[in-house]
Amino acid sequence: MSLQHAARRARQQFMPQGLVTLRTRRKSTTSGGFVAPSEMWGSPLPEQVGSARLDWENLGFDYVPTKAHVRYVWKDGAWDAGRSVQDPYISVHILGNVFHYGQALFEGFKGFQTKQGDVCTFADDLSFARMAHGCRRFRMPEIPRRVWDEAVDTVVKQNVAYIPPFGTNGALYVRPFVFGSGPRLGLGPSPEYTFVVFANPVGSYYKNDDGAMQALDGLVNDDYDRAAPLGCGDVKAAGNYASDLESMYISKRKGYPISLYLDAAERRYVEEFNTSNFVAITKGGRYLTPDAPRSVLDSNTNKVLRRLAEDMGITVEVRKIDFEAEADTFAEVGAVGTAVVVSPLRSLTRRNKTWRFDENPPILRQLRDKVRAIQNGEAEDRHGWMRRVALEDKPRQSLLSIYPGL
C-alpha cells in the first residue's frame, strides 16, 4: 500500500462522523453521494484583492512589479491563442517594425474594487474602440473583441492581489498595447504584431498629501507642436508622447508641471495638455472643450465627463477655442485623462501674461466626484461604463466544519 493510500485510509477512519462540509452536505442530499474530505484538503487559498499588502494609501503613478501579463501574436493573418507570461521582458527581432517605423499603440484604463466587493473595469469598451481606430490608421490588424476581453479579464484575475482595496483611493491601471514585432527593412506594415496587456497598481498621478485636487500652474507652449492638423494626434500612438518629452522637460525646468499646446497652423486655438485633454467651465457655466478631430486625442475621460455634465443640465460645447480671445471667460480649467480624471489649473501663462482660475473648482470637482463614485460602486452606473470581471471560474471550496449541515 502506498503512503498516499495509507494516509487517505487513516483520515477516513479517524474522522469524526459530524465532520462534513457544506459542499459535502449539499451533494449528499441531492445525489446521495459523499465527497471524501481528502479531496478537499491541501488546496491553497486563492489570492484575494489587496493580498499583496502594498502601502495602498501612498501609491503614486509608478511601476510596481506584479505577477503576470498576457501576450498574443498575430502572424499569417490570424491572432494566436495567447499566453500568460511572468517574465516582464520581451524578445523582439532587431528589425522589429516598432523600432524603425514606429508601429506602436497603447491604451490605459482602470479597474476597481467596488463598495459591493466586485472588481470592475471602467470604460474599457471606449479604449477598445479607440485602439481599433488606431490600428486602422496605422495599418495594423485590429484586436478582436473576444481577444480583448479575454486578455483584460485574465490579467485582472492573475493580478488580483495587486488591486487596491475599496476605500484606499487606488486602482489597478490596465495597459494594453500593440506593436509591430516582425522584421521589416523597408517601410511597410509589419509581418507580425504582438498584443500585450499588463496591470499596475496606482494612486494619484499628481501626489498630494491630503488627497485633495492639486491645482497646477500651466505654461502655454509656443515653441513646440504636439500634432499636425491632419496628422495622427487623434491616435494613442507611442510616438506622440515621445515628441512631447523635450517640451515637458523644458516646461518643468521653468516651474510648470504641465503645458498646453495650441494648434500647429496658427498657434491660436486650444488643443490639449501634454498627456490630457483640455476642459474649461466658463463664467456662464458652460462645459467647453476643443474640436480638433485629427490632432487631439479622443479622450475617454472627456467623453465620460461630458455625459455627466449633460446629466447635470450643463451645456456642453465641443468647438474651436480661441485661447487669447476667450481665456478671460474661463472660471475653471482642468486637464482630464485616465490617470488623473481631473487636475485643475490655477493659472496658464503665455509669454508675459498669466490668466488665473479657481484653484478649488466646484463644477470640475463635482464631476470628478461623480466619476469616482461610479468607479467605487457608490453611485448608479446609468451609462454602463463598469464591466464586472468574474474572479473565479468555479465556486470556491468550502472550509471544513465540525457541525452537520442543517
Foldseek 3Di string as FASTA:
>chain_A
DDPVVVVLVVCVVPPDPLWAFPVQQVCCVPPVDGDRVVVVPPDDDAAAAQQVVDPLLDFAPDFDQFAWKKKWKDAPHDIDPIDIGRDPDDDFDPQQCCVPPNFKFKFKWWWAQAPVRFIWTFQVVVVLVQVQVQCVVSVHDRDDPVNVVVRVLVQCLRRNNQARHFPSQKTKMKMKMKGRRAHDDDDDGHNMMMIMIHIGIGHAHDDDPVPAFFAFAEEEDPPDALAALQGAQQHRGPVSLVRCVVVCVVCVVVPGNKYWYAHPPPSFWTAAINAFFKWFQFPVGAIEGEDRNRNHHPAPLVVLLVVVCVVVVHHYDYYTDGCVVCLQRTQWMWGDHNNHSTHTYQWYDYDPDIRGHDNRDPSSVVSSVVVVCVSRVNDDPPPPRIDTRDNDPDDDDGDIDSHHDD
